[in-house]
Amino acid sequence: MASESSEFGSNYAAEQLRRSRHPLRRLIKKFYLDRVLGEVEAGPTIDFGCGAGQLLARLPAGSVGLEVNPHLVEALRAEGLDARLYDAYVDDFSLRLLDGGRYAAFTISHVLEHFADTPAVMSKLWRACARLGVTTIVAIVPGAKGYASDATHKTFITRDWVRDNGLEQCEGYTLERANYFPIDKASVGDWFVFHELHLVYRRTA
């Protein structure tokens, strides 16, 4: 059984929910969520690693959130959101619990940096998205300072990293944009912890 302080525990879930409800955090978070909402297709979306549900709550009707923490899933369901318990490792990232033809977009925010084998994970998830008929994938990862702030981060993703790992084309998707936010300059992430890289992929095959 996972400890209560782990990503699977009730203490972790309670802290994530508490932070998501803080008025100042909500105001700042809205600024970032607005950016993501402008990048996805106008249709039902899969939010992989939906956490406390801030993005999921604003996605179009028919959207679904996948989350490994059962306490977060329970809390989000109580709020009327379609959150589902999902263990990606057991499923080998194939998204088998979802039906094809229902989702226009796929978002994965601050998740990919937690894997040591990120290129393989991306290939599996992008392949699953192709099977489901997803046309747009938005992946968000932290800048340098944000990456260094969490000891559980294992892969630092940059524009060069994407290119060097041959991921500008991936499982029928093409990288359309790779922009930093809120300022499109990688070096800002050296000192600003909330700097992000947004990778937007479109289905081309």
C-alpha atoms as a PDB file:
ATOM      1  CA  MET A   1       0.000   0.000   0.000  1.00  0.00           C
ATOM      2  CA  ALA A   2       1.291   3.463  -0.849  1.00  0.00           C
ATOM      3  CA  SER A   3       2.075   5.779   2.040  1.00  0.00           C
ATOM      4  CA  GLU A   4      -0.347   8.591   2.818  1.00  0.00           C
ATOM      5  CA  SER A   5       2.280  11.146   1.787  1.00  0.00           C
ATOM      6  CA  SER A   6       2.809   9.587  -1.642  1.00  0.00           C
ATOM      7  CA  GLU A   7       1.126  10.591  -4.886  1.00  0.00           C
ATOM      8  CA  PHE A   8      -1.440   7.852  -4.191  1.00  0.00           C
ATOM      9  CA  GLY A   9      -2.299   8.898  -0.621  1.00  0.00           C
ATOM     10  CA  SER A  10      -5.118  10.909   0.906  1.00  0.00           C
ATOM     11  CA  ASN A  11      -2.749  13.517   2.378  1.00  0.00           C
ATOM     12  CA  TYR A  12      -1.313  14.249  -1.050  1.00  0.00           C
ATOM     13  CA  ALA A  13      -4.820  14.541  -2.512  1.00  0.00           C
ATOM     14  CA  ALA A  14      -5.971  16.858   0.265  1.00  0.00           C
ATOM     15  CA  GLU A  15      -2.980  19.145  -0.257  1.00  0.00           C
ATOM     16  CA  GLN A  16      -3.549  19.295  -4.017  1.00  0.00           C
ATOM     17  CA  LEU A  17      -7.207  20.165  -3.510  1.00  0.00           C
ATOM     18  CA  ARG A  18      -6.370  22.775  -0.857  1.00  0.00           C
ATOM     19  CA  ARG A  19      -3.867  24.491  -3.133  1.00  0.00           C
ATOM     20  CA  SER A  20      -6.266  24.450  -6.078  1.00  0.00           C
ATOM     21  CA  ARG A  21      -8.880  26.335  -4.029  1.00  0.00           C
ATOM     22  CA  HIS A  22      -6.594  29.105  -2.759  1.00  0.00           C
ATOM     23  CA  PRO A  23      -7.914  32.415  -4.235  1.00  0.00           C
ATOM     24  CA  LEU A  24      -4.516  33.746  -5.364  1.00  0.00           C
ATOM     25  CA  ARG A  25      -3.474  30.396  -6.817  1.00  0.00           C
ATOM     26  CA  ARG A  26      -6.788  30.165  -8.661  1.00  0.00           C
ATOM     27  CA  LEU A  27      -6.231  33.606 -10.197  1.00  0.00           C
ATOM     28  CA  ILE A  28      -2.701  32.765 -11.350  1.00  0.00           C
ATOM     29  CA  LYS A  29      -3.722  29.300 -12.531  1.00  0.00           C
ATOM     30  CA  LYS A  30      -6.491  30.781 -14.688  1.00  0.00           C
ATOM     31  CA  PHE A  31      -3.840  32.686 -16.659  1.00  0.00           C
ATOM     32  CA  TYR A  32      -2.073  29.416 -17.482  1.00  0.00           C
ATOM     33  CA  LEU A  33      -5.258  27.428 -18.124  1.00  0.00           C
ATOM     34  CA  ASP A  34      -6.500  30.038 -20.585  1.00  0.00           C
ATOM     35  CA  ARG A  35      -3.369  29.389 -22.642  1.00  0.00           C
ATOM     36  CA  VAL A  36      -3.975  25.628 -22.720  1.00  0.00           C
ATOM     37  CA  LEU A  37      -7.641  26.040 -23.597  1.00  0.00           C
ATOM     38  CA  GLY A  38      -6.602  28.141 -26.572  1.00  0.00           C
ATOM     39  CA  GLU A  39      -4.352  25.350 -27.816  1.00  0.00           C
ATOM     40  CA  VAL A  40      -6.732  22.376 -27.722  1.00  0.00           C
ATOM     41  CA  GLU A  41      -9.412  21.519 -30.258  1.00  0.00           C
ATOM     42  CA  ALA A  42     -12.952  22.681 -29.497  1.00  0.00           C
ATOM     43  CA  GLY A  43     -14.209  19.272 -28.463  1.00  0.00           C
ATOM     44  CA  PRO A  44     -14.064  16.593 -25.775  1.00  0.00           C
ATOM     45  CA  THR A  45     -10.558  16.219 -24.389  1.00  0.00           C
ATOM     46  CA  ILE A  46      -8.598  13.592 -22.470  1.00  0.00           C
ATOM     47  CA  ASP A  47      -6.738  15.198 -19.549  1.00  0.00           C
ATOM     48  CA  PHE A  48      -3.987  12.743 -18.597  1.00  0.00           C
ATOM     49  CA  GLY A  49      -2.925  13.199 -14.965  1.00  0.00           C
ATOM     50  CA  CYS A  50      -5.787  15.577 -14.216  1.00  0.00           C
ATOM     51  CA  GLY A  51      -4.762  16.116 -10.577  1.00  0.00           C
ATOM     52  CA  ALA A  52      -7.080  18.472  -8.720  1.00  0.00           C
ATOM     53  CA  GLY A  53      -9.153  19.009 -11.862  1.00  0.00           C
ATOM     54  CA  GLN A  54      -8.569  22.711 -12.581  1.00  0.00           C
ATOM     55  CA  LEU A  55      -8.218  22.107 -16.324  1.00  0.00           C
ATOM     56  CA  LEU A  56     -10.760  19.290 -16.490  1.00  0.00           C
ATOM     57  CA  ALA A  57     -13.432  21.554 -14.980  1.00  0.00           C
ATOM     58  CA  ARG A  58     -13.035  23.989 -17.884  1.00  0.00           C
ATOM     59  CA  LEU A  59     -12.750  21.529 -20.756  1.00  0.00           C
ATOM     60  CA  PRO A  60     -15.699  20.964 -23.141  1.00  0.00           C
ATOM     61  CA  ALA A  61     -18.557  18.631 -22.252  1.00  0.00           C
ATOM     62  CA  GLY A  62     -17.648  14.995 -22.757  1.00  0.00           C
ATOM     63  CA  SER A  63     -14.073  15.452 -21.563  1.00  0.00           C
ATOM     64  CA  VAL A  64     -12.476  12.925 -19.234  1.00  0.00           C
ATOM     65  CA  GLY A  65      -9.686  13.104 -16.684  1.00  0.00           C
ATOM     66  CA  LEU A  66      -7.335  10.208 -15.960  1.00  0.00           C
ATOM     67  CA  GLU A  67      -5.679  10.156 -12.543  1.00  0.00           C
ATOM     68  CA  VAL A  68      -3.629   7.668 -10.506  1.00  0.00           C
ATOM     69  CA  ASN A  69      -4.696   8.998  -7.081  1.00  0.00           C
ATOM     70  CA  PRO A  70      -8.013   7.409  -6.013  1.00  0.00           C
ATOM     71  CA  HIS A  71      -8.747  10.165  -3.486  1.00  0.00           C
ATOM     72  CA  LEU A  72      -8.494  12.856  -6.150  1.00  0.00           C
ATOM     73  CA  VAL A  73     -10.706  10.804  -8.470  1.00  0.00           C
ATOM     74  CA  GLU A  74     -13.318  10.478  -5.731  1.00  0.00           C
ATOM     75  CA  ALA A  75     -13.253  14.218  -5.005  1.00  0.00           C
ATOM     76  CA  LEU A  76     -13.571  15.172  -8.664  1.00  0.00           C
ATOM     77  CA  ARG A  77     -16.436  12.764  -9.222  1.00  0.00           C
ATOM     78  CA  ALA A  78     -18.208  14.329  -6.251  1.00  0.00           C
ATOM     79  CA  GLU A  79     -17.982  17.642  -8.125  1.00  0.00           C
ATOM     80  CA  GLY A  80     -19.644  16.087 -11.175  1.00  0.00           C
ATOM     81  CA  LEU A  81     -16.492  15.682 -13.267  1.00  0.00           C
ATOM     82  CA  ASP A  82     -15.745  12.572 -15.313  1.00  0.00           C
ATOM     83  CA  ALA A  83     -12.535  11.494 -13.593  1.00  0.00           C
ATOM     84  CA  ARG A  84     -11.361   7.899 -13.864  1.00  0.00           C
ATOM     85  CA  LEU A  85      -8.784   5.959 -11.906  1.00  0.00           C
ATOM     86  CA  TYR A  86      -5.996   4.996 -14.270  1.00  0.00           C
ATOM     87  CA  ASP A  87      -2.706   3.162 -13.776  1.00  0.00           C
ATOM     88  CA  ALA A  88      -0.710   3.856 -16.919  1.00  0.00           C
ATOM     89  CA  TYR A  89       1.962   1.283 -16.129  1.00  0.00           C
ATOM     90  CA  VAL A  90      -0.557  -1.546 -15.754  1.00  0.00           C
ATOM     91  CA  ASP A  91      -2.157  -0.503 -19.049  1.00  0.00           C
ATOM     92  CA  ASP A  92       1.224   0.164 -20.726  1.00  0.00           C
ATOM     93  CA  PHE A  93      -0.007   3.666 -21.625  1.00  0.00           C
ATOM     94  CA  SER A  94      -2.468   2.288 -24.188  1.00  0.00           C
ATOM     95  CA  LEU A  95      -5.589   4.139 -22.897  1.00  0.00           C
ATOM     96  CA  ARG A  96      -7.632   0.976 -23.341  1.00  0.00           C
ATOM     97  CA  LEU A  97     -10.362   2.190 -20.995  1.00  0.00           C
ATOM     98  CA  LEU A  98     -11.417   4.840 -23.548  1.00  0.00           C
ATOM     99  CA  ASP A  99     -13.526   4.418 -26.686  1.00  0.00           C
ATOM    100  CA  GLY A 100     -12.389   5.717 -30.060  1.00  0.00           C
ATOM    101  CA  GLY A 101     -14.111   8.481 -31.985  1.00  0.00           C
ATOM    102  CA  ARG A 102     -15.116  10.471 -28.910  1.00  0.00           C
ATOM    103  CA  TYR A 103     -12.185  12.791 -28.217  1.00  0.00           C
ATOM    104  CA  ALA A 104     -10.696  15.659 -30.209  1.00  0.00           C
ATOM    105  CA  ALA A 105      -7.716  16.461 -28.013  1.00  0.00           C
ATOM    106  CA  PHE A 106      -5.317  15.084 -25.416  1.00  0.00           C
ATOM    107  CA  THR A 107      -3.545  17.121 -22.735  1.00  0.00           C
ATOM    108  CA  ILE A 108      -0.696  16.017 -20.499  1.00  0.00           C
ATOM    109  CA  SER A 109       0.545  18.745 -18.156  1.00  0.00           C
ATOM    110  CA  HIS A 110       3.580  18.427 -15.885  1.00  0.00           C
ATOM    111  CA  VAL A 111       3.665  14.645 -16.197  1.00  0.00           C
ATOM    112  CA  LEU A 112       6.211  13.692 -18.874  1.00  0.00           C
ATOM    113  CA  GLU A 113       9.148  14.993 -16.835  1.00  0.00           C
ATOM    114  CA  HIS A 114       8.452  12.348 -14.181  1.00  0.00           C
ATOM    115  CA  PHE A 115       9.469   9.454 -16.457  1.00  0.00           C
ATOM    116  CA  ALA A 116      12.993   8.189 -17.073  1.00  0.00           C
ATOM    117  CA  ASP A 117      11.895   6.694 -20.412  1.00  0.00           C
ATOM    118  CA  THR A 118       9.936   9.693 -21.684  1.00  0.00           C
ATOM    119  CA  PRO A 119      10.485   9.047 -25.426  1.00  0.00           C
ATOM    120  CA  ALA A 120       8.983   5.565 -25.070  1.00  0.00           C
ATOM    121  CA  VAL A 121       6.089   6.906 -22.987  1.00  0.00           C
ATOM    122  CA  MET A 122       5.345   9.584 -25.571  1.00  0.00           C
ATOM    123  CA  SER A 123       5.372   7.049 -28.400  1.00  0.00           C
ATOM    124  CA  LYS A 124       2.920   4.802 -26.554  1.00  0.00           C
ATOM    125  CA  LEU A 125       0.561   7.628 -25.607  1.00  0.00           C
ATOM    126  CA  TRP A 126       0.682   9.282 -29.032  1.00  0.00           C
ATOM    127  CA  ARG A 127      -0.021   5.885 -30.635  1.00  0.00           C
ATOM    128  CA  ALA A 128      -3.001   5.426 -28.312  1.00  0.00           C
ATOM    129  CA  CYS A 129      -4.253   8.900 -29.223  1.00  0.00           C
ATOM    130  CA  ALA A 130      -4.070   8.001 -32.915  1.00  0.00           C
ATOM    131  CA  ARG A 131      -6.182   4.900 -32.248  1.00  0.00           C
ATOM    132  CA  LEU A 132      -8.755   7.043 -30.440  1.00  0.00           C
ATOM    133  CA  GLY A 133      -8.969   9.574 -33.274  1.00  0.00           C
ATOM    134  CA  VAL A 134      -7.424  12.475 -31.344  1.00  0.00           C
ATOM    135  CA  THR A 135      -6.340  15.313 -33.649  1.00  0.00           C
ATOM    136  CA  THR A 136      -4.462  17.579 -31.203  1.00  0.00           C
ATOM    137  CA  ILE A 137      -2.022  16.765 -28.410  1.00  0.00           C
ATOM    138  CA  VAL A 138      -0.824  19.432 -25.971  1.00  0.00           C
ATOM    139  CA  ALA A 139       2.076  18.498 -23.695  1.00  0.00           C
ATOM    140  CA  ILE A 140       3.283  20.928 -21.023  1.00  0.00           C
ATOM    141  CA  VAL A 141       6.565  20.570 -19.143  1.00  0.00           C
ATOM    142  CA  PRO A 142       8.457  22.829 -16.718  1.00  0.00           C
ATOM    143  CA  GLY A 143      11.340  25.131 -17.507  1.00  0.00           C
ATOM    144  CA  ALA A 144      14.748  24.705 -15.885  1.00  0.00           C
ATOM    145  CA  LYS A 145      13.959  26.130 -12.437  1.00  0.00           C
ATOM    146  CA  GLY A 146      10.624  24.338 -12.227  1.00  0.00           C
ATOM    147  CA  TYR A 147      12.296  21.101 -13.234  1.00  0.00           C
ATOM    148  CA  ALA A 148      15.005  21.490 -10.575  1.00  0.00           C
ATOM    149  CA  SER A 149      12.424  22.258  -7.870  1.00  0.00           C
ATOM    150  CA  ASP A 150      11.133  18.667  -7.696  1.00  0.00           C
ATOM    151  CA  ALA A 151      13.394  15.719  -6.909  1.00  0.00           C
ATOM    152  CA  THR A 152      10.938  13.321  -8.576  1.00  0.00           C
ATOM    153  CA  HIS A 153      11.602  14.850 -12.009  1.00  0.00           C
ATOM    154  CA  LYS A 154      13.703  12.561 -14.198  1.00  0.00           C
ATOM    155  CA  THR A 155      13.748  13.990 -17.735  1.00  0.00           C
ATOM    156  CA  PHE A 156      14.365  17.646 -18.599  1.00  0.00           C
ATOM    157  CA  ILE A 157      12.500  18.388 -21.818  1.00  0.00           C
ATOM    158  CA  THR A 158      13.458  21.254 -24.115  1.00  0.00           C
ATOM    159  CA  ARG A 159      12.985  22.072 -27.791  1.00  0.00           C
ATOM    160  CA  ASP A 160      16.423  20.584 -28.466  1.00  0.00           C
ATOM    161  CA  TRP A 161      15.556  17.454 -26.474  1.00  0.00           C
ATOM    162  CA  VAL A 162      12.464  16.903 -28.636  1.00  0.00           C
ATOM    163  CA  ARG A 163      14.523  17.284 -31.807  1.00  0.00           C
ATOM    164  CA  ASP A 164      17.431  15.154 -30.580  1.00  0.00           C
ATOM    165  CA  ASN A 165      15.070  12.309 -29.645  1.00  0.00           C
ATOM    166  CA  GLY A 166      13.375  12.344 -33.038  1.00  0.00           C
ATOM    167  CA  LEU A 167      10.026  13.397 -31.577  1.00  0.00           C
ATOM    168  CA  GLU A 168       9.129  16.255 -33.903  1.00  0.00           C
ATOM    169  CA  GLN A 169       7.259  13.497 -35.756  1.00  0.00           C
ATOM    170  CA  CYS A 170       5.652  10.896 -33.507  1.00  0.00           C
ATOM    171  CA  GLU A 171       3.123   8.170 -34.318  1.00  0.00           C
ATOM    172  CA  GLY A 172       1.344  10.161 -37.026  1.00  0.00           C
ATOM    173  CA  TYR A 173       1.560  13.519 -35.223  1.00  0.00           C
ATOM    174  CA  THR A 174       3.737  16.478 -36.150  1.00  0.00           C
ATOM    175  CA  LEU A 175       5.020  19.085 -33.714  1.00  0.00           C
ATOM    176  CA  GLU A 176       3.307  22.275 -34.863  1.00  0.00           C
ATOM    177  CA  ARG A 177       4.499  24.601 -32.104  1.00  0.00           C
ATOM    178  CA  ALA A 178       6.997  24.518 -29.248  1.00  0.00           C
ATOM    179  CA  ASN A 179       6.631  27.734 -27.266  1.00  0.00           C
ATOM    180  CA  TYR A 180       7.614  28.814 -23.786  1.00  0.00           C
ATOM    181  CA  PHE A 181       5.025  30.487 -21.565  1.00  0.00           C
ATOM    182  CA  PRO A 182       4.445  33.088 -20.233  1.00  0.00           C
ATOM    183  CA  ILE A 183       7.528  34.432 -22.078  1.00  0.00           C
ATOM    184  CA  ASP A 184       8.724  32.582 -25.170  1.00  0.00           C
ATOM    185  CA  LYS A 185      12.366  32.477 -24.151  1.00  0.00           C
ATOM    186  CA  ALA A 186      13.975  29.397 -22.619  1.00  0.00           C
ATOM    187  CA  SER A 187      16.339  31.380 -20.375  1.00  0.00           C
ATOM    188  CA  VAL A 188      13.413  32.848 -18.411  1.00  0.00           C
ATOM    189  CA  GLY A 189      12.964  29.366 -16.987  1.00  0.00           C
ATOM    190  CA  ASP A 190      16.397  29.609 -15.369  1.00  0.00           C
ATOM    191  CA  TRP A 191      15.008  31.971 -12.725  1.00  0.00           C
ATOM    192  CA  PHE A 192      11.193  31.783 -12.944  1.00  0.00           C
ATOM    193  CA  VAL A 193       9.840  28.569 -11.428  1.00  0.00           C
ATOM    194  CA  PHE A 194       6.454  28.720 -13.194  1.00  0.00           C
ATOM    195  CA  HIS A 195       7.904  28.932 -16.693  1.00  0.00           C
ATOM    196  CA  GLU A 196       6.620  26.208 -19.049  1.00  0.00           C
ATOM    197  CA  LEU A 197       7.262  24.704 -22.459  1.00  0.00           C
ATOM    198  CA  HIS A 198       4.096  23.970 -24.457  1.00  0.00           C
ATOM    199  CA  LEU A 199       4.358  21.344 -27.187  1.00  0.00           C
ATOM    200  CA  VAL A 200       1.413  21.289 -29.608  1.00  0.00           C
ATOM    201  CA  TYR A 201       1.123  18.297 -31.938  1.00  0.00           C
ATOM    202  CA  ARG A 202      -1.385  17.898 -34.792  1.00  0.00           C
ATOM    203  CA  ARG A 203      -2.450  14.691 -36.498  1.00  0.00           C
ATOM    204  CA  THR A 204      -0.916  14.543 -39.967  1.00  0.00           C
ATOM    205  CA  ALA A 205      -1.147  10.860 -40.877  1.00  0.00           C
END
